[in-house]
Amino acid sequence: IRSRDEIQKAVSSCLLAITNAGISLYEMLAAGVP
């Protein structure tokens, strides 16, 4: 996926995330994603 809407939907519904430890990590924590 690439679009912002697709990413937002994935963040809201995924079981967990694997991310780099930059700003993406802070985004996942603020969104409540394990």
PDB file of all heavy atoms in Angstrom:
ATOM      1  N   ILE A   1       0.843  -1.197   0.000  1.00  0.00           N
ATOM      2  CA  ILE A   1       0.000   0.000   0.000  1.00  0.00           C
ATOM      3  C   ILE A   1       0.876   1.244   0.000  1.00  0.00           C
ATOM      4  O   ILE A   1       2.051   1.211   0.385  1.00  0.00           O
ATOM      5  CB  ILE A   1      -0.946   0.030   1.211  1.00  0.00           C
ATOM      6  CG1 ILE A   1      -0.147   0.024   2.524  1.00  0.00           C
ATOM      7  CG2 ILE A   1      -1.916  -1.139   1.151  1.00  0.00           C
ATOM      8  CD1 ILE A   1      -1.014   0.169   3.756  1.00  0.00           C
ATOM      9  N   ARG A   2       0.279   2.375  -0.425  1.00  0.00           N
ATOM     10  CA  ARG A   2       1.027   3.616  -0.451  1.00  0.00           C
ATOM     11  C   ARG A   2       0.223   4.814   0.039  1.00  0.00           C
ATOM     12  O   ARG A   2       0.756   5.674   0.720  1.00  0.00           O
ATOM     13  CB  ARG A   2       1.529   3.912  -1.863  1.00  0.00           C
ATOM     14  CG  ARG A   2       2.443   5.135  -1.898  1.00  0.00           C
ATOM     15  CD  ARG A   2       2.968   5.410  -3.278  1.00  0.00           C
ATOM     16  NE  ARG A   2       3.993   6.437  -3.248  1.00  0.00           N
ATOM     17  CZ  ARG A   2       4.583   6.938  -4.322  1.00  0.00           C
ATOM     18  NH1 ARG A   2       4.249   6.479  -5.517  1.00  0.00           N
ATOM     19  NH2 ARG A   2       5.497   7.865  -4.211  1.00  0.00           N
ATOM     20  N   SER A   3      -1.053   4.892  -0.288  1.00  0.00           N
ATOM     21  CA  SER A   3      -1.823   6.097   0.014  1.00  0.00           C
ATOM     22  C   SER A   3      -2.009   6.252   1.519  1.00  0.00           C
ATOM     23  O   SER A   3      -1.990   5.287   2.284  1.00  0.00           O
ATOM     24  CB  SER A   3      -3.194   6.036  -0.664  1.00  0.00           C
ATOM     25  OG  SER A   3      -4.059   5.136   0.012  1.00  0.00           O
ATOM     26  N   ARG A   4      -2.209   7.505   1.902  1.00  0.00           N
ATOM     27  CA  ARG A   4      -2.397   7.797   3.318  1.00  0.00           C
ATOM     28  C   ARG A   4      -3.622   7.075   3.874  1.00  0.00           C
ATOM     29  O   ARG A   4      -3.585   6.532   4.984  1.00  0.00           O
ATOM     30  CB  ARG A   4      -2.547   9.299   3.521  1.00  0.00           C
ATOM     31  CG  ARG A   4      -2.681   9.702   4.983  1.00  0.00           C
ATOM     32  CD  ARG A   4      -2.921  11.182   5.149  1.00  0.00           C
ATOM     33  NE  ARG A   4      -3.065  11.497   6.556  1.00  0.00           N
ATOM     34  CZ  ARG A   4      -4.175  11.316   7.249  1.00  0.00           C
ATOM     35  NH1 ARG A   4      -5.246  10.805   6.665  1.00  0.00           N
ATOM     36  NH2 ARG A   4      -4.222  11.622   8.542  1.00  0.00           N
ATOM     37  N   ASP A   5      -4.709   7.042   3.121  1.00  0.00           N
ATOM     38  CA  ASP A   5      -5.926   6.379   3.589  1.00  0.00           C
ATOM     39  C   ASP A   5      -5.689   4.886   3.803  1.00  0.00           C
ATOM     40  O   ASP A   5      -6.172   4.306   4.785  1.00  0.00           O
ATOM     41  CB  ASP A   5      -7.066   6.596   2.589  1.00  0.00           C
ATOM     42  CG  ASP A   5      -7.595   8.022   2.621  1.00  0.00           C
ATOM     43  OD1 ASP A   5      -7.290   8.751   3.587  1.00  0.00           O
ATOM     44  OD2 ASP A   5      -8.302   8.409   1.666  1.00  0.00           O
ATOM     45  N   GLU A   6      -4.949   4.265   2.880  1.00  0.00           N
ATOM     46  CA  GLU A   6      -4.653   2.837   3.029  1.00  0.00           C
ATOM     47  C   GLU A   6      -3.796   2.585   4.264  1.00  0.00           C
ATOM     48  O   GLU A   6      -4.013   1.615   5.002  1.00  0.00           O
ATOM     49  CB  GLU A   6      -3.925   2.325   1.786  1.00  0.00           C
ATOM     50  CG  GLU A   6      -4.788   2.214   0.544  1.00  0.00           C
ATOM     51  CD  GLU A   6      -3.976   1.793  -0.668  1.00  0.00           C
ATOM     52  OE1 GLU A   6      -2.870   2.329  -0.880  1.00  0.00           O
ATOM     53  OE2 GLU A   6      -4.449   0.895  -1.394  1.00  0.00           O
ATOM     54  N   ILE A   7      -2.812   3.458   4.481  1.00  0.00           N
ATOM     55  CA  ILE A   7      -1.937   3.300   5.644  1.00  0.00           C
ATOM     56  C   ILE A   7      -2.731   3.476   6.929  1.00  0.00           C
ATOM     57  O   ILE A   7      -2.583   2.700   7.882  1.00  0.00           O
ATOM     58  CB  ILE A   7      -0.759   4.287   5.558  1.00  0.00           C
ATOM     59  CG1 ILE A   7       0.161   3.898   4.395  1.00  0.00           C
ATOM     60  CG2 ILE A   7       0.024   4.301   6.873  1.00  0.00           C
ATOM     61  CD1 ILE A   7       1.238   4.919   4.090  1.00  0.00           C
ATOM     62  N   GLN A   8      -3.594   4.495   6.965  1.00  0.00           N
ATOM     63  CA  GLN A   8      -4.404   4.729   8.156  1.00  0.00           C
ATOM     64  C   GLN A   8      -5.299   3.530   8.465  1.00  0.00           C
ATOM     65  O   GLN A   8      -5.464   3.134   9.623  1.00  0.00           O
ATOM     66  CB  GLN A   8      -5.265   5.984   7.958  1.00  0.00           C
ATOM     67  CG  GLN A   8      -4.477   7.279   7.904  1.00  0.00           C
ATOM     68  CD  GLN A   8      -4.028   7.734   9.276  1.00  0.00           C
ATOM     69  OE1 GLN A   8      -3.317   7.015   9.981  1.00  0.00           O
ATOM     70  NE2 GLN A   8      -4.424   8.916   9.673  1.00  0.00           N
ATOM     71  N   LYS A   9      -5.877   2.956   7.432  1.00  0.00           N
ATOM     72  CA  LYS A   9      -6.746   1.794   7.631  1.00  0.00           C
ATOM     73  C   LYS A   9      -5.941   0.613   8.173  1.00  0.00           C
ATOM     74  O   LYS A   9      -6.403  -0.108   9.064  1.00  0.00           O
ATOM     75  CB  LYS A   9      -7.432   1.425   6.316  1.00  0.00           C
ATOM     76  CG  LYS A   9      -8.438   0.299   6.454  1.00  0.00           C
ATOM     77  CD  LYS A   9      -9.167   0.035   5.143  1.00  0.00           C
ATOM     78  CE  LYS A   9     -10.173  -1.095   5.304  1.00  0.00           C
ATOM     79  NZ  LYS A   9     -10.899  -1.370   4.034  1.00  0.00           N
ATOM     80  N   ALA A  10      -4.728   0.425   7.635  1.00  0.00           N
ATOM     81  CA  ALA A  10      -3.889  -0.679   8.102  1.00  0.00           C
ATOM     82  C   ALA A  10      -3.503  -0.486   9.563  1.00  0.00           C
ATOM     83  O   ALA A  10      -3.505  -1.439  10.356  1.00  0.00           O
ATOM     84  CB  ALA A  10      -2.643  -0.779   7.226  1.00  0.00           C
ATOM     85  N   VAL A  11      -3.156   0.745   9.937  1.00  0.00           N
ATOM     86  CA  VAL A  11      -2.784   1.027  11.324  1.00  0.00           C
ATOM     87  C   VAL A  11      -3.949   0.767  12.269  1.00  0.00           C
ATOM     88  O   VAL A  11      -3.777   0.248  13.382  1.00  0.00           O
ATOM     89  CB  VAL A  11      -2.285   2.484  11.450  1.00  0.00           C
ATOM     90  CG1 VAL A  11      -2.108   2.877  12.916  1.00  0.00           C
ATOM     91  CG2 VAL A  11      -0.964   2.663  10.708  1.00  0.00           C
ATOM     92  N   SER A  12      -5.147   1.114  11.840  1.00  0.00           N
ATOM     93  CA  SER A  12      -6.311   0.977  12.720  1.00  0.00           C
ATOM     94  C   SER A  12      -6.742  -0.466  12.919  1.00  0.00           C
ATOM     95  O   SER A  12      -7.396  -0.792  13.916  1.00  0.00           O
ATOM     96  CB  SER A  12      -7.490   1.787  12.167  1.00  0.00           C
ATOM     97  OG  SER A  12      -7.960   1.221  10.960  1.00  0.00           O
ATOM     98  N   SER A  13      -6.368  -1.350  11.993  1.00  0.00           N
ATOM     99  CA  SER A  13      -6.912  -2.709  12.050  1.00  0.00           C
ATOM    100  C   SER A  13      -5.874  -3.818  12.163  1.00  0.00           C
ATOM    101  O   SER A  13      -6.239  -4.988  12.338  1.00  0.00           O
ATOM    102  CB  SER A  13      -7.767  -2.975  10.803  1.00  0.00           C
ATOM    103  OG  SER A  13      -6.973  -2.883   9.627  1.00  0.00           O
ATOM    104  N   CYS A  14      -4.582  -3.499  12.069  1.00  0.00           N
ATOM    105  CA  CYS A  14      -3.564  -4.564  12.098  1.00  0.00           C
ATOM    106  C   CYS A  14      -3.465  -5.192  13.488  1.00  0.00           C
ATOM    107  O   CYS A  14      -3.785  -4.571  14.506  1.00  0.00           O
ATOM    108  CB  CYS A  14      -2.199  -4.014  11.673  1.00  0.00           C
ATOM    109  SG  CYS A  14      -1.471  -2.821  12.811  1.00  0.00           S
ATOM    110  N   LEU A  15      -3.012  -6.427  13.504  1.00  0.00           N
ATOM    111  CA  LEU A  15      -2.796  -7.117  14.778  1.00  0.00           C
ATOM    112  C   LEU A  15      -1.597  -6.528  15.503  1.00  0.00           C
ATOM    113  O   LEU A  15      -1.632  -6.273  16.713  1.00  0.00           O
ATOM    114  CB  LEU A  15      -2.575  -8.605  14.525  1.00  0.00           C
ATOM    115  CG  LEU A  15      -2.298  -9.464  15.756  1.00  0.00           C
ATOM    116  CD1 LEU A  15      -3.520  -9.506  16.664  1.00  0.00           C
ATOM    117  CD2 LEU A  15      -1.880 -10.876  15.346  1.00  0.00           C
ATOM    118  N   LEU A  16      -0.509  -6.296  14.763  1.00  0.00           N
ATOM    119  CA  LEU A  16       0.700  -5.705  15.312  1.00  0.00           C
ATOM    120  C   LEU A  16       1.473  -5.070  14.171  1.00  0.00           C
ATOM    121  O   LEU A  16       1.175  -5.284  13.000  1.00  0.00           O
ATOM    122  CB  LEU A  16       1.545  -6.747  16.055  1.00  0.00           C
ATOM    123  CG  LEU A  16       2.079  -7.948  15.258  1.00  0.00           C
ATOM    124  CD1 LEU A  16       3.465  -7.666  14.687  1.00  0.00           C
ATOM    125  CD2 LEU A  16       2.135  -9.187  16.146  1.00  0.00           C
ATOM    126  N   ALA A  17       2.478  -4.268  14.524  1.00  0.00           N
ATOM    127  CA  ALA A  17       3.292  -3.585  13.523  1.00  0.00           C
ATOM    128  C   ALA A  17       4.760  -3.932  13.714  1.00  0.00           C
ATOM    129  O   ALA A  17       5.221  -4.193  14.834  1.00  0.00           O
ATOM    130  CB  ALA A  17       3.103  -2.070  13.609  1.00  0.00           C
ATOM    131  N   ILE A  18       5.490  -3.917  12.610  1.00  0.00           N
ATOM    132  CA  ILE A  18       6.949  -3.999  12.615  1.00  0.00           C
ATOM    133  C   ILE A  18       7.433  -2.738  11.911  1.00  0.00           C
ATOM    134  O   ILE A  18       7.115  -2.508  10.744  1.00  0.00           O
ATOM    135  CB  ILE A  18       7.455  -5.255  11.891  1.00  0.00           C
ATOM    136  CG1 ILE A  18       6.887  -6.515  12.546  1.00  0.00           C
ATOM    137  CG2 ILE A  18       8.983  -5.295  11.886  1.00  0.00           C
ATOM    138  CD1 ILE A  18       7.176  -7.794  11.773  1.00  0.00           C
ATOM    139  N   THR A  19       8.177  -1.911  12.625  1.00  0.00           N
ATOM    140  CA  THR A  19       8.532  -0.605  12.088  1.00  0.00           C
ATOM    141  C   THR A  19       9.975  -0.258  12.423  1.00  0.00           C
ATOM    142  O   THR A  19      10.586  -0.873  13.296  1.00  0.00           O
ATOM    143  CB  THR A  19       7.596   0.477  12.660  1.00  0.00           C
ATOM    144  OG1 THR A  19       7.938   1.748  12.109  1.00  0.00           O
ATOM    145  CG2 THR A  19       7.718   0.560  14.167  1.00  0.00           C
ATOM    146  N   ASN A  20      10.524   0.729  11.714  1.00  0.00           N
ATOM    147  CA  ASN A  20      11.827   1.244  12.117  1.00  0.00           C
ATOM    148  C   ASN A  20      11.656   2.086  13.377  1.00  0.00           C
ATOM    149  O   ASN A  20      10.541   2.436  13.771  1.00  0.00           O
ATOM    150  CB  ASN A  20      12.481   2.044  10.988  1.00  0.00           C
ATOM    151  CG  ASN A  20      11.701   3.278  10.603  1.00  0.00           C
ATOM    152  OD1 ASN A  20      11.306   4.085  11.432  1.00  0.00           O
ATOM    153  ND2 ASN A  20      11.478   3.444   9.308  1.00  0.00           N
ATOM    154  N   ALA A  21      12.757   2.411  14.020  1.00  0.00           N
ATOM    155  CA  ALA A  21      12.703   3.105  15.307  1.00  0.00           C
ATOM    156  C   ALA A  21      12.842   4.609  15.145  1.00  0.00           C
ATOM    157  O   ALA A  21      13.352   5.297  16.032  1.00  0.00           O
ATOM    158  CB  ALA A  21      13.784   2.563  16.244  1.00  0.00           C
ATOM    159  N   GLY A  22      12.350   5.142  14.006  1.00  0.00           N
ATOM    160  CA  GLY A  22      12.277   6.569  13.809  1.00  0.00           C
ATOM    161  C   GLY A  22      10.891   7.075  14.157  1.00  0.00           C
ATOM    162  O   GLY A  22      10.219   6.545  15.058  1.00  0.00           O
ATOM    163  N   ILE A  23      10.421   8.091  13.424  1.00  0.00           N
ATOM    164  CA  ILE A  23       9.118   8.679  13.724  1.00  0.00           C
ATOM    165  C   ILE A  23       7.995   7.671  13.568  1.00  0.00           C
ATOM    166  O   ILE A  23       6.966   7.756  14.249  1.00  0.00           O
ATOM    167  CB  ILE A  23       8.877   9.921  12.843  1.00  0.00           C
ATOM    168  CG1 ILE A  23       7.634  10.682  13.307  1.00  0.00           C
ATOM    169  CG2 ILE A  23       8.755   9.545  11.373  1.00  0.00           C
ATOM    170  CD1 ILE A  23       7.707  11.217  14.715  1.00  0.00           C
ATOM    171  N   SER A  24       8.174   6.658  12.700  1.00  0.00           N
ATOM    172  CA  SER A  24       7.128   5.645  12.528  1.00  0.00           C
ATOM    173  C   SER A  24       6.833   4.925  13.843  1.00  0.00           C
ATOM    174  O   SER A  24       5.678   4.566  14.119  1.00  0.00           O
ATOM    175  CB  SER A  24       7.533   4.623  11.465  1.00  0.00           C
ATOM    176  OG  SER A  24       7.639   5.216  10.201  1.00  0.00           O
ATOM    177  N   LEU A  25       7.846   4.712  14.655  1.00  0.00           N
ATOM    178  CA  LEU A  25       7.639   4.044  15.932  1.00  0.00           C
ATOM    179  C   LEU A  25       6.753   4.890  16.845  1.00  0.00           C
ATOM    180  O   LEU A  25       5.813   4.389  17.479  1.00  0.00           O
ATOM    181  CB  LEU A  25       8.988   3.759  16.601  1.00  0.00           C
ATOM    182  CG  LEU A  25       8.931   3.146  18.007  1.00  0.00           C
ATOM    183  CD1 LEU A  25       8.109   1.860  18.010  1.00  0.00           C
ATOM    184  CD2 LEU A  25      10.344   2.890  18.524  1.00  0.00           C
ATOM    185  N   TYR A  26       7.037   6.188  16.907  1.00  0.00           N
ATOM    186  CA  TYR A  26       6.213   7.083  17.719  1.00  0.00           C
ATOM    187  C   TYR A  26       4.767   7.096  17.213  1.00  0.00           C
ATOM    188  O   TYR A  26       3.820   7.153  18.011  1.00  0.00           O
ATOM    189  CB  TYR A  26       6.794   8.494  17.696  1.00  0.00           C
ATOM    190  CG  TYR A  26       8.113   8.653  18.417  1.00  0.00           C
ATOM    191  CD1 TYR A  26       9.318   8.384  17.773  1.00  0.00           C
ATOM    192  CD2 TYR A  26       8.154   9.088  19.738  1.00  0.00           C
ATOM    193  CE1 TYR A  26      10.532   8.548  18.424  1.00  0.00           C
ATOM    194  CE2 TYR A  26       9.364   9.258  20.403  1.00  0.00           C
ATOM    195  CZ  TYR A  26      10.552   8.986  19.740  1.00  0.00           C
ATOM    196  OH  TYR A  26      11.757   9.138  20.396  1.00  0.00           O
ATOM    197  N   GLU A  27       4.593   7.060  15.885  1.00  0.00           N
ATOM    198  CA  GLU A  27       3.250   7.031  15.307  1.00  0.00           C
ATOM    199  C   GLU A  27       2.495   5.779  15.772  1.00  0.00           C
ATOM    200  O   GLU A  27       1.314   5.854  16.128  1.00  0.00           O
ATOM    201  CB  GLU A  27       3.339   7.031  13.777  1.00  0.00           C
ATOM    202  CG  GLU A  27       3.979   8.256  13.162  1.00  0.00           C
ATOM    203  CD  GLU A  27       2.996   9.368  12.862  1.00  0.00           C
ATOM    204  OE1 GLU A  27       1.802   9.238  13.244  1.00  0.00           O
ATOM    205  OE2 GLU A  27       3.411  10.370  12.253  1.00  0.00           O
ATOM    206  N   MET A  28       3.166   4.629  15.763  1.00  0.00           N
ATOM    207  CA  MET A  28       2.508   3.390  16.168  1.00  0.00           C
ATOM    208  C   MET A  28       2.120   3.438  17.645  1.00  0.00           C
ATOM    209  O   MET A  28       1.031   2.993  18.028  1.00  0.00           O
ATOM    210  CB  MET A  28       3.420   2.184  15.908  1.00  0.00           C
ATOM    211  CG  MET A  28       3.711   1.890  14.450  1.00  0.00           C
ATOM    212  SD  MET A  28       2.249   1.614  13.441  1.00  0.00           S
ATOM    213  CE  MET A  28       2.281   3.118  12.457  1.00  0.00           C
ATOM    214  N   LEU A  29       2.986   3.983  18.487  1.00  0.00           N
ATOM    215  CA  LEU A  29       2.675   4.057  19.912  1.00  0.00           C
ATOM    216  C   LEU A  29       1.485   4.974  20.160  1.00  0.00           C
ATOM    217  O   LEU A  29       0.591   4.654  20.953  1.00  0.00           O
ATOM    218  CB  LEU A  29       3.899   4.549  20.692  1.00  0.00           C
ATOM    219  CG  LEU A  29       5.125   3.630  20.646  1.00  0.00           C
ATOM    220  CD1 LEU A  29       6.257   4.198  21.484  1.00  0.00           C
ATOM    221  CD2 LEU A  29       4.786   2.223  21.107  1.00  0.00           C
ATOM    222  N   ALA A  30       1.465   6.126  19.492  1.00  0.00           N
ATOM    223  CA  ALA A  30       0.349   7.055  19.671  1.00  0.00           C
ATOM    224  C   ALA A  30      -0.967   6.438  19.207  1.00  0.00           C
ATOM    225  O   ALA A  30      -2.035   6.731  19.764  1.00  0.00           O
ATOM    226  CB  ALA A  30       0.616   8.347  18.909  1.00  0.00           C
ATOM    227  N   ALA A  31      -0.900   5.574  18.198  1.00  0.00           N
ATOM    228  CA  ALA A  31      -2.099   4.923  17.667  1.00  0.00           C
ATOM    229  C   ALA A  31      -2.502   3.690  18.466  1.00  0.00           C
ATOM    230  O   ALA A  31      -3.561   3.102  18.202  1.00  0.00           O
ATOM    231  CB  ALA A  31      -1.887   4.542  16.204  1.00  0.00           C
ATOM    232  N   GLY A  32      -1.677   3.276  19.408  1.00  0.00           N
ATOM    233  CA  GLY A  32      -2.003   2.116  20.223  1.00  0.00           C
ATOM    234  C   GLY A  32      -1.784   0.789  19.545  1.00  0.00           C
ATOM    235  O   GLY A  32      -2.534  -0.173  19.765  1.00  0.00           O
ATOM    236  N   VAL A  33      -0.728   0.704  18.716  1.00  0.00           N
ATOM    237  CA  VAL A  33      -0.431  -0.530  17.984  1.00  0.00           C
ATOM    238  C   VAL A  33       0.711  -1.282  18.675  1.00  0.00           C
ATOM    239  O   VAL A  33       1.787  -0.704  18.872  1.00  0.00           O
ATOM    240  CB  VAL A  33      -0.028  -0.223  16.526  1.00  0.00           C
ATOM    241  CG1 VAL A  33       0.238  -1.521  15.771  1.00  0.00           C
ATOM    242  CG2 VAL A  33      -1.106   0.588  15.833  1.00  0.00           C
ATOM    243  N   PRO A  34       0.528  -2.544  19.049  1.00  0.00           N
ATOM    244  CA  PRO A  34       1.653  -3.325  19.573  1.00  0.00           C
ATOM    245  C   PRO A  34       2.745  -3.411  18.514  1.00  0.00           C
ATOM    246  O   PRO A  34       2.464  -3.759  17.355  1.00  0.00           O
ATOM    247  CB  PRO A  34       1.042  -4.709  19.839  1.00  0.00           C
ATOM    248  CG  PRO A  34      -0.437  -4.494  19.850  1.00  0.00           C
ATOM    249  CD  PRO A  34      -0.715  -3.339  18.955  1.00  0.00           C
TER     250      PRO A  34
END
